[in-house]
Amino acid sequence: MPNILIGDDDEELTQLLQEYLHNHGIHCDCVHDDAAVIQRLKAVAHDDSAYDLLVLDIMMPKIDGLSVLRQLPNISDIPVIMLTAKGEEIDRIIGLELGADDYITKPCNPRELLARINAVIKRTNTTTSEHTPLPESRLHLDQNQRVCEIDGVALQVTGTEFDLLVALLKQKGDVVSKAWLSENVLQRELQPFDRSLDVHVSRLRKKLQPFHDEPIKAVRGKGYQLVL
């Protein structure tokens, strides 16, 4: 049974989500401020009970969710789904820039949240036998351990960034449409003015640029091309 942590100060909402997720095969612990999120993640960082995923409300008392995301790389490599207020696009963009894997707007539909949780966990837990061999490249992506190297140098990437690299590498040299990447990697239809995919690609570019001036090329009106 997947084991997740929800950090949200709305106790009524978290109780509803906890019951719904439990009924659909997901164990869920809830805390109600960001300081407690950090404390809980530190407590299980080297434990068999470590969480598979964090659902994090961006607006909570004591420490805001964006501050938690800034601290997270020093605590855990846990994937994160943000809960954001409807219309707060800047928070979503900053959260994605800080390494969140996905987002959902509040008030959230439990069924949609369940779908996003399952999609992220499925990506991170795919078995070796399910992986398609990748073409040779300066990039080495270990799809079992989900480790990324370029020219033998380890590269720290989020789960979503890793999946984007796999998708682009499988079609190396081809332009991959934004719509396809959004549907197959982010598990959401590409919407007008949704910059989620662009933010993830921008983060990847910055990490790859020490090895290549233009590692991922944007082709206007078409999509992205891996040129490493």
Protein backbone atom coordinates (compact mmCIF):
# COMPACT_ATOMS: atom_id res chain seq x y z
CA MET A 1 0.00 0.00 0.00
CA PRO A 2 1.48 3.39 -0.95
CA ASN A 3 2.29 5.63 2.00
CA ILE A 4 1.85 9.38 1.59
CA LEU A 5 1.99 12.52 3.72
CA ILE A 6 -0.43 15.42 3.37
CA GLY A 7 0.49 18.82 4.76
CA ASP A 8 -2.54 21.14 4.90
CA ASP A 9 -3.94 23.32 7.67
CA ASP A 10 -7.54 22.56 6.64
CA GLU A 11 -8.28 19.70 9.05
CA GLU A 12 -11.75 19.04 7.64
CA LEU A 13 -10.34 18.69 4.12
CA THR A 14 -7.45 16.45 5.18
CA GLN A 15 -9.82 14.14 7.07
CA LEU A 16 -11.99 13.86 3.96
CA LEU A 17 -8.97 13.16 1.75
CA GLN A 18 -7.50 10.69 4.24
CA GLU A 19 -10.71 8.64 4.30
CA TYR A 20 -11.13 8.76 0.53
CA LEU A 21 -7.54 7.76 -0.20
CA HIS A 22 -7.61 4.96 2.40
CA ASN A 23 -10.73 3.55 0.71
CA HIS A 24 -8.73 3.47 -2.53
CA GLY A 25 -5.71 1.64 -1.16
CA ILE A 26 -3.45 4.51 -0.06
CA HIS A 27 -2.25 4.99 3.53
CA CYS A 28 -2.20 8.66 4.41
CA ASP A 29 -0.78 10.63 7.35
CA CYS A 30 -1.78 14.26 7.81
CA VAL A 31 -0.07 17.21 9.49
CA HIS A 32 -1.37 20.74 9.66
CA ASP A 33 1.56 23.12 9.40
CA ASP A 34 4.74 23.20 7.36
CA ALA A 35 7.04 22.90 10.36
CA ALA A 36 5.37 19.56 11.11
CA VAL A 37 5.90 18.49 7.48
CA ILE A 38 9.65 19.06 7.81
CA GLN A 39 9.77 17.36 11.20
CA ARG A 40 7.88 14.29 9.93
CA LEU A 41 10.03 13.93 6.81
CA LYS A 42 13.23 14.19 8.84
CA ALA A 43 11.95 11.56 11.27
CA VAL A 44 11.45 8.96 8.53
CA ALA A 45 14.26 10.00 6.17
CA HIS A 46 16.29 6.82 6.79
CA ASP A 47 13.41 4.57 7.77
CA ASP A 48 11.52 1.80 6.00
CA SER A 49 8.36 3.81 6.71
CA ALA A 50 9.53 6.70 4.51
CA TYR A 51 6.76 8.27 2.47
CA ASP A 52 6.24 7.63 -1.24
CA LEU A 53 4.87 11.11 -1.92
CA LEU A 54 4.11 14.46 -0.29
CA VAL A 55 0.94 16.46 -0.95
CA LEU A 56 1.78 19.99 0.20
CA ASP A 57 -0.47 23.02 0.59
CA ILE A 58 1.48 26.10 -0.47
CA MET A 59 -0.33 28.43 1.96
CA MET A 60 0.03 27.22 5.56
CA PRO A 61 0.91 28.82 8.92
CA LYS A 62 4.40 29.12 10.42
CA ILE A 63 6.46 28.33 7.27
CA ASP A 64 4.99 28.67 3.80
CA GLY A 65 5.03 25.68 1.45
CA LEU A 66 7.52 27.30 -0.90
CA SER A 67 10.02 27.50 1.98
CA VAL A 68 9.48 23.77 2.58
CA LEU A 69 10.24 23.08 -1.09
CA ARG A 70 13.48 25.07 -0.77
CA GLN A 71 14.55 22.94 2.20
CA LEU A 72 13.37 19.62 0.79
CA PRO A 73 16.48 18.65 -1.25
CA ASN A 74 18.49 18.59 2.00
CA ILE A 75 15.92 16.31 3.66
CA SER A 76 14.40 13.96 1.10
CA ASP A 77 14.02 13.23 -2.62
CA ILE A 78 10.30 12.58 -2.14
CA PRO A 79 8.07 13.57 -5.07
CA VAL A 80 5.71 16.48 -4.34
CA ILE A 81 2.24 17.43 -5.51
CA MET A 82 1.36 21.02 -4.60
CA LEU A 83 -2.07 22.19 -3.49
CA THR A 84 -2.54 25.76 -4.71
CA ALA A 85 -5.37 28.27 -4.66
CA LYS A 86 -7.22 28.65 -7.92
CA GLY A 87 -5.76 31.53 -9.90
CA GLU A 88 -2.46 31.66 -7.97
CA GLU A 89 -0.37 30.94 -11.06
CA ILE A 90 2.77 32.58 -9.70
CA ASP A 91 2.81 30.17 -6.73
CA ARG A 92 2.47 27.20 -9.08
CA ILE A 93 5.31 28.42 -11.27
CA ILE A 94 7.63 29.10 -8.31
CA GLY A 95 6.74 25.72 -6.80
CA LEU A 96 7.57 23.91 -10.03
CA GLU A 97 10.80 25.90 -10.33
CA LEU A 98 11.68 24.72 -6.81
CA GLY A 99 11.22 21.09 -7.82
CA ALA A 100 7.57 20.13 -7.25
CA ASP A 101 6.44 17.36 -9.60
CA ASP A 102 2.84 18.38 -10.10
CA TYR A 103 0.06 20.59 -8.75
CA ILE A 104 -3.68 20.56 -8.20
CA THR A 105 -5.85 23.58 -7.44
CA LYS A 106 -8.08 23.93 -4.41
CA PRO A 107 -10.82 23.13 -3.72
CA CYS A 108 -9.57 19.82 -5.04
CA ASN A 109 -11.61 16.90 -6.27
CA PRO A 110 -10.50 13.79 -4.30
CA ARG A 111 -10.82 11.69 -7.43
CA GLU A 112 -8.49 13.98 -9.38
CA LEU A 113 -5.99 14.02 -6.53
CA LEU A 114 -6.07 10.21 -6.41
CA ALA A 115 -5.37 10.07 -10.15
CA ARG A 116 -2.39 12.43 -9.80
CA ILE A 117 -1.01 10.51 -6.80
CA ASN A 118 -1.27 7.21 -8.67
CA ALA A 119 0.36 8.69 -11.78
CA VAL A 120 3.37 10.04 -9.87
CA ILE A 121 3.82 6.86 -7.82
CA LYS A 122 3.50 4.69 -10.94
CA ARG A 123 6.24 6.67 -12.70
CA THR A 124 8.63 6.39 -9.77
CA ASN A 125 7.94 2.70 -9.12
CA THR A 126 8.07 1.29 -12.66
CA THR A 127 9.91 -2.05 -12.68
CA THR A 128 12.96 -2.80 -14.79
CA SER A 129 11.04 -5.19 -17.07
CA GLU A 130 8.67 -2.39 -18.06
CA HIS A 131 11.41 -0.09 -19.34
CA THR A 132 12.08 0.45 -23.03
CA PRO A 133 15.83 0.45 -23.87
CA LEU A 134 17.19 3.94 -24.48
CA PRO A 135 19.45 5.00 -27.37
CA GLU A 136 23.12 5.69 -26.72
CA SER A 137 23.84 9.22 -25.58
CA ARG A 138 26.07 11.33 -23.39
CA LEU A 139 23.16 11.00 -20.99
CA HIS A 140 22.93 7.79 -19.00
CA LEU A 141 19.52 7.25 -17.42
CA ASP A 142 19.23 4.29 -15.07
CA GLN A 143 15.49 3.71 -15.26
CA ASN A 144 15.50 1.22 -12.39
CA GLN A 145 17.37 3.34 -9.86
CA ARG A 146 16.15 6.57 -11.51
CA VAL A 147 19.65 8.00 -11.57
CA CYS A 148 20.86 10.46 -14.20
CA GLU A 149 24.47 10.94 -15.35
CA ILE A 150 26.00 12.96 -18.15
CA ASP A 151 29.58 12.24 -19.21
CA GLY A 152 29.87 10.19 -16.02
CA VAL A 153 28.84 13.11 -13.79
CA ALA A 154 25.79 12.59 -11.56
CA LEU A 155 22.99 15.06 -12.17
CA GLN A 156 20.38 15.81 -9.52
CA VAL A 157 16.94 15.84 -11.13
CA THR A 158 13.40 15.57 -9.84
CA GLY A 159 11.17 12.64 -10.73
CA THR A 160 9.32 14.64 -13.37
CA GLU A 161 12.57 15.95 -14.86
CA PHE A 162 13.85 12.38 -15.09
CA ASP A 163 10.69 11.29 -16.90
CA LEU A 164 11.00 14.21 -19.31
CA LEU A 165 14.58 13.22 -20.11
CA VAL A 166 13.51 9.62 -20.74
CA ALA A 167 10.71 10.77 -23.06
CA LEU A 168 12.99 13.12 -24.99
CA LEU A 169 15.84 10.62 -25.19
CA LYS A 170 13.54 7.91 -26.58
CA GLN A 171 12.87 10.29 -29.47
CA LYS A 172 16.34 11.83 -29.59
CA GLY A 173 16.77 14.17 -32.55
CA ASP A 174 13.02 14.43 -33.13
CA VAL A 175 10.84 17.33 -32.08
CA VAL A 176 8.43 16.07 -29.41
CA SER A 177 5.21 18.05 -29.16
CA LYS A 178 4.28 19.85 -25.95
CA ALA A 179 0.86 18.21 -26.06
CA TRP A 180 2.41 14.72 -26.14
CA LEU A 181 4.86 15.50 -23.35
CA SER A 182 2.14 17.00 -21.18
CA GLU A 183 -0.18 14.03 -21.63
CA ASN A 184 2.46 11.31 -21.34
CA VAL A 185 4.81 12.76 -18.72
CA LEU A 186 2.72 15.22 -16.70
CA GLN A 187 -0.41 13.10 -17.13
CA ARG A 188 -2.54 16.13 -17.97
CA GLU A 189 -3.90 17.65 -21.16
CA LEU A 190 -2.00 20.73 -22.27
CA GLN A 191 -4.09 23.79 -21.45
CA PRO A 192 -3.74 27.32 -22.84
CA PHE A 193 -1.46 29.45 -20.65
CA ASP A 194 -0.36 26.42 -18.56
CA ARG A 195 3.41 26.84 -18.18
CA SER A 196 4.06 23.71 -16.11
CA LEU A 197 5.88 21.86 -18.89
CA ASP A 198 7.92 24.93 -19.84
CA VAL A 199 9.05 25.36 -16.23
CA HIS A 200 10.20 21.73 -15.95
CA VAL A 201 12.10 22.01 -19.26
CA SER A 202 13.67 25.31 -18.17
CA ARG A 203 15.00 23.67 -14.98
CA LEU A 204 16.44 20.81 -17.01
CA ARG A 205 18.15 23.20 -19.42
CA LYS A 206 19.89 25.00 -16.55
CA LYS A 207 21.17 21.70 -15.16
CA LEU A 208 22.42 20.49 -18.57
CA GLN A 209 23.92 23.76 -19.84
CA PRO A 210 27.33 23.20 -18.22
CA PHE A 211 27.65 20.28 -20.67
CA HIS A 212 26.02 21.82 -23.76
CA ASP A 213 25.04 25.37 -24.73
CA GLU A 214 21.56 24.36 -25.94
CA PRO A 215 20.81 20.87 -24.60
CA ILE A 216 17.06 21.07 -25.24
CA LYS A 217 15.96 23.09 -28.22
CA ALA A 218 12.54 24.77 -28.32
CA VAL A 219 10.95 24.65 -31.75
CA ARG A 220 8.32 27.38 -31.93
CA GLY A 221 4.82 26.04 -32.40
CA LYS A 222 5.98 22.40 -32.31
CA GLY A 223 7.71 21.32 -29.13
CA TYR A 224 11.11 20.33 -27.72
CA GLN A 225 14.10 18.50 -29.14
CA LEU A 226 16.92 16.87 -27.15
CA VAL A 227 20.18 17.67 -28.94
CA LEU A 228 22.77 16.33 -26.48
